[in-house]
């Protein structure tokens, strides 16, 4: 409830007298003391004014009431008329500008007599209450949602920390797997190259001996021996060239290659052993 001690009589204040407020006149939008209240109730000009004791008011909505009385189109004017055709309240200037042809313009005082008991007030009051209820519901929803966001953050942080741990474990496991695969592929490549080396060295050593014998016969052997040796070697060389050519076409350079296939969620790593032709033809 509003307290009279907190409000002074406004008519008395204008006469430089301080009097404690007793009532509120919604028509004059002023606080009145006990004496002014009694005068207000019997004066012809204010006889019909609506007076309420301050102690019965939850608050004194002076500015709110004043704002309702001001014209929306002409803020310096007070609304005194109601146009039933357009269903709007308006001031004298509005009448002159926009409602000259309207036949249903009435003075607000003439149409507001039974307003408090009208269906319009009830409907508007219910609509305002519903609006406030909806707004309160939105406020509660936003507050609850805000609290939920605060609760979700640490849970998500925990999930992210777990993801980090799992990813690190996965990376370590992947590293071990890749290193093991690398070791196997290296061993396979080295084994194949060692086999090729052994076979080629064996052929080279064999032909080094043949070359020594040929050189010896050329230098020290008889014509007969050299002729037979060259004839034998001619056929053997032809066979050996074909064999060597066949070996060369099957001889491959071996490469260890590492590559990564990457998508949005997972990274795949591969190590492969690639082969490609080493020598395409025998050259002299």
C-alpha atoms as a PDB file:
ATOM      1  CA  UNK A   1       0.000   0.000   0.000  1.00  0.00           C
ATOM      2  CA  UNK A   2       1.133   3.572  -0.681  1.00  0.00           C
ATOM      3  CA  UNK A   3       2.145   5.561   2.379  1.00  0.00           C
ATOM      4  CA  UNK A   4       0.678   9.050   2.894  1.00  0.00           C
ATOM      5  CA  UNK A   5       3.804  10.099   4.823  1.00  0.00           C
ATOM      6  CA  UNK A   6       5.866   9.765   1.659  1.00  0.00           C
ATOM      7  CA  UNK A   7       3.663  12.165  -0.357  1.00  0.00           C
ATOM      8  CA  UNK A   8       2.823  15.821   0.100  1.00  0.00           C
ATOM      9  CA  UNK A   9      -0.369  17.587  -0.985  1.00  0.00           C
ATOM     10  CA  UNK A  10       0.353  19.132  -4.374  1.00  0.00           C
ATOM     11  CA  UNK A  11      -2.170  22.022  -4.286  1.00  0.00           C
ATOM     12  CA  UNK A  12      -0.812  23.053  -0.857  1.00  0.00           C
ATOM     13  CA  UNK A  13       2.762  22.784  -2.123  1.00  0.00           C
ATOM     14  CA  UNK A  14       1.984  25.288  -4.852  1.00  0.00           C
ATOM     15  CA  UNK A  15       0.843  27.649  -2.089  1.00  0.00           C
ATOM     16  CA  UNK A  16       4.123  27.046  -0.253  1.00  0.00           C
ATOM     17  CA  UNK A  17       2.406  24.984   2.445  1.00  0.00           C
ATOM     18  CA  UNK A  18       3.443  21.453   3.357  1.00  0.00           C
ATOM     19  CA  UNK A  19       0.542  19.092   4.022  1.00  0.00           C
ATOM     20  CA  UNK A  20       0.539  15.320   4.245  1.00  0.00           C
ATOM     21  CA  UNK A  21      -1.104  13.552   1.336  1.00  0.00           C
ATOM     22  CA  UNK A  22      -4.434  11.871   2.056  1.00  0.00           C
ATOM     23  CA  UNK A  23      -5.981  10.931  -1.305  1.00  0.00           C
ATOM     24  CA  UNK A  24      -5.242  10.660  -5.003  1.00  0.00           C
ATOM     25  CA  UNK A  25      -7.373  12.286  -7.709  1.00  0.00           C
ATOM     26  CA  UNK A  26      -6.974  10.311 -10.921  1.00  0.00           C
ATOM     27  CA  UNK A  27      -8.667  13.057 -12.966  1.00  0.00           C
ATOM     28  CA  UNK A  28      -6.384  15.833 -11.740  1.00  0.00           C
ATOM     29  CA  UNK A  29      -3.528  13.370 -11.317  1.00  0.00           C
ATOM     30  CA  UNK A  30      -2.629  14.966  -8.008  1.00  0.00           C
ATOM     31  CA  UNK A  31      -2.155  14.066  -4.362  1.00  0.00           C
ATOM     32  CA  UNK A  32      -4.533  15.874  -2.010  1.00  0.00           C
ATOM     33  CA  UNK A  33      -4.400  16.416   1.727  1.00  0.00           C
ATOM     34  CA  UNK A  34      -7.461  15.824   3.937  1.00  0.00           C
ATOM     35  CA  UNK A  35      -8.627  19.446   3.619  1.00  0.00           C
ATOM     36  CA  UNK A  36      -8.174  19.614  -0.161  1.00  0.00           C
ATOM     37  CA  UNK A  37      -9.872  16.220  -0.475  1.00  0.00           C
ATOM     38  CA  UNK A  38     -13.007  17.506   1.227  1.00  0.00           C
ATOM     39  CA  UNK A  39     -12.999  20.656  -0.912  1.00  0.00           C
ATOM     40  CA  UNK A  40     -12.491  18.570  -4.033  1.00  0.00           C
ATOM     41  CA  UNK A  41     -15.516  16.416  -3.313  1.00  0.00           C
ATOM     42  CA  UNK A  42     -17.920  19.406  -2.982  1.00  0.00           C
ATOM     43  CA  UNK A  43     -16.543  21.795  -5.606  1.00  0.00           C
ATOM     44  CA  UNK A  44     -18.750  21.910  -8.735  1.00  0.00           C
ATOM     45  CA  UNK A  45     -15.770  21.612 -11.076  1.00  0.00           C
ATOM     46  CA  UNK A  46     -14.358  18.543  -9.301  1.00  0.00           C
ATOM     47  CA  UNK A  47     -17.501  16.982  -7.909  1.00  0.00           C
ATOM     48  CA  UNK A  48     -17.381  14.062 -10.374  1.00  0.00           C
ATOM     49  CA  UNK A  49     -13.658  13.389  -9.986  1.00  0.00           C
ATOM     50  CA  UNK A  50     -12.476   9.947  -8.918  1.00  0.00           C
ATOM     51  CA  UNK A  51     -10.783  10.145  -5.467  1.00  0.00           C
ATOM     52  CA  UNK A  52      -9.093   7.258  -3.659  1.00  0.00           C
ATOM     53  CA  UNK A  53      -7.379   7.297  -0.284  1.00  0.00           C
ATOM     54  CA  UNK A  54      -3.648   6.836  -0.639  1.00  0.00           C
ATOM     55  CA  UNK A  55      -3.598   3.997   1.886  1.00  0.00           C
ATOM     56  CA  UNK A  56      -5.845   1.972  -0.431  1.00  0.00           C
ATOM     57  CA  UNK A  57      -3.518   2.371  -3.397  1.00  0.00           C
ATOM     58  CA  UNK A  58      -0.670  -0.084  -4.005  1.00  0.00           C
ATOM     59  CA  UNK A  59       1.220   2.806  -5.599  1.00  0.00           C
ATOM     60  CA  UNK A  60       0.513   6.166  -7.184  1.00  0.00           C
ATOM     61  CA  UNK A  61       0.881   5.757 -10.953  1.00  0.00           C
ATOM     62  CA  UNK A  62       1.081   9.456 -11.694  1.00  0.00           C
ATOM     63  CA  UNK A  63       3.425   9.220 -14.682  1.00  0.00           C
ATOM     64  CA  UNK A  64       1.649   6.150 -16.090  1.00  0.00           C
ATOM     65  CA  UNK A  65      -1.762   7.795 -16.008  1.00  0.00           C
ATOM     66  CA  UNK A  66      -0.376  10.989 -17.492  1.00  0.00           C
ATOM     67  CA  UNK A  67       1.194   9.055 -20.353  1.00  0.00           C
ATOM     68  CA  UNK A  68      -2.154   7.439 -21.160  1.00  0.00           C
ATOM     69  CA  UNK A  69      -3.800  10.851 -21.316  1.00  0.00           C
ATOM     70  CA  UNK A  70      -1.266  12.253 -23.801  1.00  0.00           C
ATOM     71  CA  UNK A  71      -1.991  12.080 -27.531  1.00  0.00           C
ATOM     72  CA  UNK A  72       0.231   9.704 -29.474  1.00  0.00           C
ATOM     73  CA  UNK A  73       0.300  11.962 -32.523  1.00  0.00           C
ATOM     74  CA  UNK A  74       0.567  15.242 -30.603  1.00  0.00           C
ATOM     75  CA  UNK A  75       2.404  14.557 -27.318  1.00  0.00           C
ATOM     76  CA  UNK A  76       1.785  18.100 -26.058  1.00  0.00           C
ATOM     77  CA  UNK A  77      -2.004  17.580 -26.233  1.00  0.00           C
ATOM     78  CA  UNK A  78      -4.394  15.734 -23.905  1.00  0.00           C
ATOM     79  CA  UNK A  79      -6.826  13.233 -25.435  1.00  0.00           C
ATOM     80  CA  UNK A  80     -10.384  14.473 -24.896  1.00  0.00           C
ATOM     81  CA  UNK A  81     -12.274  12.784 -27.738  1.00  0.00           C
ATOM     82  CA  UNK A  82     -13.147   9.289 -28.941  1.00  0.00           C
ATOM     83  CA  UNK A  83     -13.823   8.444 -32.597  1.00  0.00           C
ATOM     84  CA  UNK A  84     -16.118   5.396 -32.682  1.00  0.00           C
ATOM     85  CA  UNK A  85     -15.695   5.018 -36.455  1.00  0.00           C
ATOM     86  CA  UNK A  86     -11.910   4.599 -36.162  1.00  0.00           C
ATOM     87  CA  UNK A  87     -12.078   3.250 -32.582  1.00  0.00           C
ATOM     88  CA  UNK A  88      -9.354   5.609 -31.317  1.00  0.00           C
ATOM     89  CA  UNK A  89      -8.984   8.303 -28.679  1.00  0.00           C
ATOM     90  CA  UNK A  90      -7.624  11.576 -29.963  1.00  0.00           C
ATOM     91  CA  UNK A  91      -6.995  15.218 -29.161  1.00  0.00           C
ATOM     92  CA  UNK A  92      -8.526  18.414 -30.580  1.00  0.00           C
ATOM     93  CA  UNK A  93      -5.761  18.657 -33.186  1.00  0.00           C
ATOM     94  CA  UNK A  94      -6.430  15.088 -34.351  1.00  0.00           C
ATOM     95  CA  UNK A  95     -10.098  15.931 -34.822  1.00  0.00           C
ATOM     96  CA  UNK A  96      -9.183  18.885 -37.019  1.00  0.00           C
ATOM     97  CA  UNK A  97      -6.621  16.932 -39.057  1.00  0.00           C
ATOM     98  CA  UNK A  98      -8.084  13.462 -39.443  1.00  0.00           C
ATOM     99  CA  UNK A  99     -11.656  13.185 -38.154  1.00  0.00           C
ATOM    100  CA  UNK A 100     -13.538  16.156 -39.636  1.00  0.00           C
ATOM    101  CA  UNK A 101     -15.818  13.850 -41.661  1.00  0.00           C
ATOM    102  CA  UNK A 102     -16.374  11.329 -38.858  1.00  0.00           C
ATOM    103  CA  UNK A 103     -19.951  11.319 -37.555  1.00  0.00           C
ATOM    104  CA  UNK A 104     -19.274   9.382 -34.369  1.00  0.00           C
ATOM    105  CA  UNK A 105     -16.801  11.596 -32.493  1.00  0.00           C
ATOM    106  CA  UNK A 106     -17.673  11.948 -28.824  1.00  0.00           C
ATOM    107  CA  UNK A 107     -16.165  13.527 -25.739  1.00  0.00           C
ATOM    108  CA  UNK A 108     -14.227  10.967 -23.648  1.00  0.00           C
ATOM    109  CA  UNK A 109     -16.123  11.977 -20.501  1.00  0.00           C
ATOM    110  CA  UNK A 110     -19.423  11.059 -22.206  1.00  0.00           C
ATOM    111  CA  UNK A 111     -18.373   7.532 -23.209  1.00  0.00           C
ATOM    112  CA  UNK A 112     -16.238   6.545 -20.221  1.00  0.00           C
ATOM    113  CA  UNK A 113     -18.957   6.520 -17.552  1.00  0.00           C
ATOM    114  CA  UNK A 114     -19.481   2.716 -17.331  1.00  0.00           C
ATOM    115  CA  UNK A 115     -16.031   1.702 -18.543  1.00  0.00           C
ATOM    116  CA  UNK A 116     -14.980  -0.087 -15.330  1.00  0.00           C
ATOM    117  CA  UNK A 117     -17.844  -2.587 -15.592  1.00  0.00           C
ATOM    118  CA  UNK A 118     -17.552  -3.034 -19.358  1.00  0.00           C
ATOM    119  CA  UNK A 119     -16.504  -6.186 -21.215  1.00  0.00           C
ATOM    120  CA  UNK A 120     -13.762  -4.168 -22.892  1.00  0.00           C
ATOM    121  CA  UNK A 121     -11.939  -3.548 -19.608  1.00  0.00           C
ATOM    122  CA  UNK A 122     -12.321  -7.216 -18.673  1.00  0.00           C
ATOM    123  CA  UNK A 123     -10.985  -8.355 -22.047  1.00  0.00           C
ATOM    124  CA  UNK A 124      -8.062  -5.926 -21.957  1.00  0.00           C
ATOM    125  CA  UNK A 125      -7.265  -6.867 -18.356  1.00  0.00           C
ATOM    126  CA  UNK A 126      -7.288 -10.571 -19.253  1.00  0.00           C
ATOM    127  CA  UNK A 127      -5.126  -9.896 -22.313  1.00  0.00           C
ATOM    128  CA  UNK A 128      -2.578  -7.957 -20.244  1.00  0.00           C
ATOM    129  CA  UNK A 129      -2.557 -10.705 -17.608  1.00  0.00           C
ATOM    130  CA  UNK A 130      -2.067 -13.348 -20.291  1.00  0.00           C
ATOM    131  CA  UNK A 131       0.733 -11.289 -21.849  1.00  0.00           C
ATOM    132  CA  UNK A 132       2.456 -10.923 -18.471  1.00  0.00           C
ATOM    133  CA  UNK A 133       2.030 -14.644 -17.809  1.00  0.00           C
ATOM    134  CA  UNK A 134       3.565 -15.443 -21.195  1.00  0.00           C
ATOM    135  CA  UNK A 135       6.463 -13.059 -20.594  1.00  0.00           C
ATOM    136  CA  UNK A 136       7.048 -14.593 -17.168  1.00  0.00           C
ATOM    137  CA  UNK A 137       7.027 -18.030 -18.756  1.00  0.00           C
ATOM    138  CA  UNK A 138       9.635 -16.858 -21.270  1.00  0.00           C
ATOM    139  CA  UNK A 139      11.761 -15.391 -18.453  1.00  0.00           C
ATOM    140  CA  UNK A 140      11.595 -18.686 -16.533  1.00  0.00           C
ATOM    141  CA  UNK A 141      12.411 -20.620 -19.683  1.00  0.00           C
ATOM    142  CA  UNK A 142      15.433 -18.434 -20.445  1.00  0.00           C
ATOM    143  CA  UNK A 143      16.681 -18.666 -16.844  1.00  0.00           C
ATOM    144  CA  UNK A 144      16.262 -22.442 -16.834  1.00  0.00           C
ATOM    145  CA  UNK A 145      17.995 -22.673 -20.193  1.00  0.00           C
ATOM    146  CA  UNK A 146      20.818 -20.480 -18.895  1.00  0.00           C
ATOM    147  CA  UNK A 147      21.253 -22.758 -15.873  1.00  0.00           C
ATOM    148  CA  UNK A 148      21.253 -25.769 -18.175  1.00  0.00           C
ATOM    149  CA  UNK A 149      24.016 -24.223 -20.300  1.00  0.00           C
ATOM    150  CA  UNK A 150      26.137 -23.702 -17.177  1.00  0.00           C
ATOM    151  CA  UNK A 151      25.522 -27.333 -16.192  1.00  0.00           C
ATOM    152  CA  UNK A 152      26.341 -28.642 -19.661  1.00  0.00           C
ATOM    153  CA  UNK A 153      29.696 -26.881 -19.960  1.00  0.00           C
ATOM    154  CA  UNK A 154      31.614 -28.993 -17.373  1.00  0.00           C
ATOM    155  CA  UNK A 155      30.048 -32.182 -18.766  1.00  0.00           C
ATOM    156  CA  UNK A 156      31.231 -31.320 -22.259  1.00  0.00           C
ATOM    157  CA  UNK A 157      34.678 -30.387 -20.920  1.00  0.00           C
ATOM    158  CA  UNK A 158      34.878 -33.813 -19.291  1.00  0.00           C
ATOM    159  CA  UNK A 159      33.872 -35.441 -22.580  1.00  0.00           C
ATOM    160  CA  UNK A 160      36.508 -33.441 -24.451  1.00  0.00           C
ATOM    161  CA  UNK A 161      39.178 -34.479 -21.934  1.00  0.00           C
ATOM    162  CA  UNK A 162      38.163 -38.120 -22.378  1.00  0.00           C
ATOM    163  CA  UNK A 163      38.265 -37.715 -26.156  1.00  0.00           C
ATOM    164  CA  UNK A 164      41.775 -36.295 -25.866  1.00  0.00           C
ATOM    165  CA  UNK A 165      42.865 -39.253 -23.733  1.00  0.00           C
ATOM    166  CA  UNK A 166      41.288 -41.750 -26.143  1.00  0.00           C
ATOM    167  CA  UNK A 167      42.880 -40.028 -29.138  1.00  0.00           C
ATOM    168  CA  UNK A 168      46.317 -40.094 -27.510  1.00  0.00           C
ATOM    169  CA  UNK A 169      45.905 -43.791 -26.763  1.00  0.00           C
ATOM    170  CA  UNK A 170      44.760 -44.356 -30.336  1.00  0.00           C
ATOM    171  CA  UNK A 171      47.758 -42.441 -31.693  1.00  0.00           C
ATOM    172  CA  UNK A 172      50.148 -44.494 -29.560  1.00  0.00           C
ATOM    173  CA  UNK A 173      48.489 -47.709 -30.701  1.00  0.00           C
ATOM    174  CA  UNK A 174      48.582 -46.514 -34.306  1.00  0.00           C
ATOM    175  CA  UNK A 175      52.273 -45.637 -33.976  1.00  0.00           C
ATOM    176  CA  UNK A 176      53.091 -49.135 -32.705  1.00  0.00           C
ATOM    177  CA  UNK A 177      51.093 -50.715 -35.505  1.00  0.00           C
ATOM    178  CA  UNK A 178      52.747 -48.556 -38.174  1.00  0.00           C
ATOM    179  CA  UNK A 179      56.244 -49.165 -36.825  1.00  0.00           C
ATOM    180  CA  UNK A 180      55.582 -52.926 -36.780  1.00  0.00           C
ATOM    181  CA  UNK A 181      54.295 -52.814 -40.351  1.00  0.00           C
ATOM    182  CA  UNK A 182      57.292 -50.711 -41.373  1.00  0.00           C
ATOM    183  CA  UNK A 183      59.685 -53.265 -39.873  1.00  0.00           C
ATOM    184  CA  UNK A 184      57.960 -56.134 -41.734  1.00  0.00           C
ATOM    185  CA  UNK A 185      57.982 -54.316 -45.068  1.00  0.00           C
ATOM    186  CA  UNK A 186      61.627 -53.300 -44.646  1.00  0.00           C
ATOM    187  CA  UNK A 187      62.598 -56.909 -43.900  1.00  0.00           C
ATOM    188  CA  UNK A 188      60.666 -58.105 -46.951  1.00  0.00           C
ATOM    189  CA  UNK A 189      62.352 -55.511 -49.178  1.00  0.00           C
ATOM    190  CA  UNK A 190      65.841 -56.239 -47.830  1.00  0.00           C
ATOM    191  CA  UNK A 191      65.291 -59.986 -48.221  1.00  0.00           C
ATOM    192  CA  UNK A 192      64.253 -59.570 -51.865  1.00  0.00           C
ATOM    193  CA  UNK A 193      67.221 -57.295 -52.598  1.00  0.00           C
ATOM    194  CA  UNK A 194      69.636 -59.710 -50.890  1.00  0.00           C
ATOM    195  CA  UNK A 195      68.283 -62.543 -53.056  1.00  0.00           C
ATOM    196  CA  UNK A 196      68.760 -60.452 -56.210  1.00  0.00           C
ATOM    197  CA  UNK A 197      72.278 -59.509 -55.109  1.00  0.00           C
ATOM    198  CA  UNK A 198      73.243 -63.121 -54.410  1.00  0.00           C
ATOM    199  CA  UNK A 199      72.003 -64.369 -57.773  1.00  0.00           C
ATOM    200  CA  UNK A 200      73.611 -61.520 -59.681  1.00  0.00           C
ATOM    201  CA  UNK A 201      76.948 -61.869 -57.822  1.00  0.00           C
ATOM    202  CA  UNK A 202      76.966 -65.601 -58.542  1.00  0.00           C
ATOM    203  CA  UNK A 203      76.476 -64.942 -62.270  1.00  0.00           C
ATOM    204  CA  UNK A 204      79.101 -62.209 -62.219  1.00  0.00           C
ATOM    205  CA  UNK A 205      81.685 -64.438 -60.534  1.00  0.00           C
ATOM    206  CA  UNK A 206      80.986 -67.237 -63.028  1.00  0.00           C
ATOM    207  CA  UNK A 207      81.479 -64.921 -65.979  1.00  0.00           C
ATOM    208  CA  UNK A 208      84.607 -63.378 -64.468  1.00  0.00           C
ATOM    209  CA  UNK A 209      86.174 -66.838 -64.560  1.00  0.00           C
ATOM    210  CA  UNK A 210      84.999 -67.319 -68.154  1.00  0.00           C
ATOM    211  CA  UNK A 211      86.531 -63.926 -69.027  1.00  0.00           C
ATOM    212  CA  UNK A 212      89.855 -64.925 -67.435  1.00  0.00           C
ATOM    213  CA  UNK A 213      89.927 -68.161 -69.424  1.00  0.00           C
ATOM    214  CA  UNK A 214      89.069 -66.336 -72.642  1.00  0.00           C
ATOM    215  CA  UNK A 215      91.797 -63.751 -72.056  1.00  0.00           C
ATOM    216  CA  UNK A 216      94.290 -66.535 -71.312  1.00  0.00           C
ATOM    217  CA  UNK A 217      93.449 -68.382 -74.537  1.00  0.00           C
ATOM    218  CA  UNK A 218      93.652 -65.165 -76.539  1.00  0.00           C
ATOM    219  CA  UNK A 219      97.086 -64.445 -75.091  1.00  0.00           C
ATOM    220  CA  UNK A 220      98.571 -67.908 -74.628  1.00  0.00           C
ATOM    221  CA  UNK A 221      96.310 -70.590 -76.151  1.00  0.00           C
ATOM    222  CA  UNK A 222      96.580 -72.222 -79.531  1.00  0.00           C
ATOM    223  CA  UNK A 223      94.418 -71.178 -82.431  1.00  0.00           C
ATOM    224  CA  UNK A 224      92.591 -74.449 -82.138  1.00  0.00           C
ATOM    225  CA  UNK A 225      91.784 -73.931 -78.466  1.00  0.00           C
ATOM    226  CA  UNK A 226      90.735 -70.319 -78.990  1.00  0.00           C
ATOM    227  CA  UNK A 227      88.484 -71.230 -81.894  1.00  0.00           C
ATOM    228  CA  UNK A 228      86.656 -73.914 -79.923  1.00  0.00           C
ATOM    229  CA  UNK A 229      86.450 -71.648 -76.870  1.00  0.00           C
ATOM    230  CA  UNK A 230      84.974 -68.745 -78.846  1.00  0.00           C
ATOM    231  CA  UNK A 231      82.430 -71.002 -80.579  1.00  0.00           C
ATOM    232  CA  UNK A 232      81.279 -72.405 -77.262  1.00  0.00           C
ATOM    233  CA  UNK A 233      81.110 -68.975 -75.655  1.00  0.00           C
ATOM    234  CA  UNK A 234      79.186 -67.512 -78.583  1.00  0.00           C
ATOM    235  CA  UNK A 235      76.241 -69.845 -78.017  1.00  0.00           C
ATOM    236  CA  UNK A 236      76.525 -69.603 -74.246  1.00  0.00           C
ATOM    237  CA  UNK A 237      76.565 -65.797 -74.367  1.00  0.00           C
ATOM    238  CA  UNK A 238      73.398 -65.773 -76.455  1.00  0.00           C
ATOM    239  CA  UNK A 239      71.622 -67.991 -73.940  1.00  0.00           C
ATOM    240  CA  UNK A 240      72.994 -65.974 -71.030  1.00  0.00           C
ATOM    241  CA  UNK A 241      71.895 -62.679 -72.572  1.00  0.00           C
ATOM    242  CA  UNK A 242      68.349 -63.959 -72.965  1.00  0.00           C
ATOM    243  CA  UNK A 243      68.363 -65.204 -69.368  1.00  0.00           C
ATOM    244  CA  UNK A 244      69.803 -61.919 -68.127  1.00  0.00           C
ATOM    245  CA  UNK A 245      67.315 -59.892 -70.148  1.00  0.00           C
ATOM    246  CA  UNK A 246      64.482 -61.920 -68.667  1.00  0.00           C
ATOM    247  CA  UNK A 247      65.858 -61.350 -65.164  1.00  0.00           C
ATOM    248  CA  UNK A 248      66.190 -57.617 -65.784  1.00  0.00           C
ATOM    249  CA  UNK A 249      62.565 -57.269 -66.876  1.00  0.00           C
ATOM    250  CA  UNK A 250      61.538 -58.899 -63.586  1.00  0.00           C
ATOM    251  CA  UNK A 251      63.977 -56.907 -61.461  1.00  0.00           C
ATOM    252  CA  UNK A 252      62.226 -54.070 -59.621  1.00  0.00           C
ATOM    253  CA  UNK A 253      63.358 -51.138 -57.523  1.00  0.00           C
ATOM    254  CA  UNK A 254      61.663 -51.334 -54.132  1.00  0.00           C
ATOM    255  CA  UNK A 255      60.467 -48.181 -52.306  1.00  0.00           C
ATOM    256  CA  UNK A 256      58.965 -47.790 -48.864  1.00  0.00           C
ATOM    257  CA  UNK A 257      56.231 -45.168 -49.002  1.00  0.00           C
ATOM    258  CA  UNK A 258      54.155 -43.579 -46.246  1.00  0.00           C
ATOM    259  CA  UNK A 259      50.942 -41.687 -46.966  1.00  0.00           C
ATOM    260  CA  UNK A 260      47.905 -40.401 -45.091  1.00  0.00           C
ATOM    261  CA  UNK A 261      44.286 -40.439 -46.160  1.00  0.00           C
ATOM    262  CA  UNK A 262      42.379 -37.788 -44.264  1.00  0.00           C
ATOM    263  CA  UNK A 263      38.670 -37.177 -43.848  1.00  0.00           C
ATOM    264  CA  UNK A 264      36.632 -35.002 -41.475  1.00  0.00           C
ATOM    265  CA  UNK A 265      36.540 -37.456 -38.599  1.00  0.00           C
ATOM    266  CA  UNK A 266      39.425 -39.944 -38.844  1.00  0.00           C
ATOM    267  CA  UNK A 267      42.946 -40.026 -40.186  1.00  0.00           C
ATOM    268  CA  UNK A 268      44.097 -43.251 -41.853  1.00  0.00           C
ATOM    269  CA  UNK A 269      47.817 -43.977 -42.160  1.00  0.00           C
ATOM    270  CA  UNK A 270      49.411 -46.437 -44.546  1.00  0.00           C
ATOM    271  CA  UNK A 271      52.920 -47.721 -45.282  1.00  0.00           C
ATOM    272  CA  UNK A 272      53.284 -49.640 -48.531  1.00  0.00           C
ATOM    273  CA  UNK A 273      56.042 -51.379 -50.444  1.00  0.00           C
ATOM    274  CA  UNK A 274      56.050 -50.090 -54.032  1.00  0.00           C
ATOM    275  CA  UNK A 275      57.801 -51.766 -56.979  1.00  0.00           C
ATOM    276  CA  UNK A 276      58.864 -50.279 -60.283  1.00  0.00           C
ATOM    277  CA  UNK A 277      61.020 -51.409 -63.158  1.00  0.00           C
ATOM    278  CA  UNK A 278      64.721 -51.057 -62.491  1.00  0.00           C
ATOM    279  CA  UNK A 279      66.224 -51.536 -66.013  1.00  0.00           C
ATOM    280  CA  UNK A 280      64.148 -51.775 -69.140  1.00  0.00           C
ATOM    281  CA  UNK A 281      66.777 -53.334 -71.457  1.00  0.00           C
ATOM    282  CA  UNK A 282      70.243 -54.754 -71.466  1.00  0.00           C
ATOM    283  CA  UNK A 283      72.819 -52.226 -72.546  1.00  0.00           C
ATOM    284  CA  UNK A 284      76.355 -52.733 -73.809  1.00  0.00           C
END
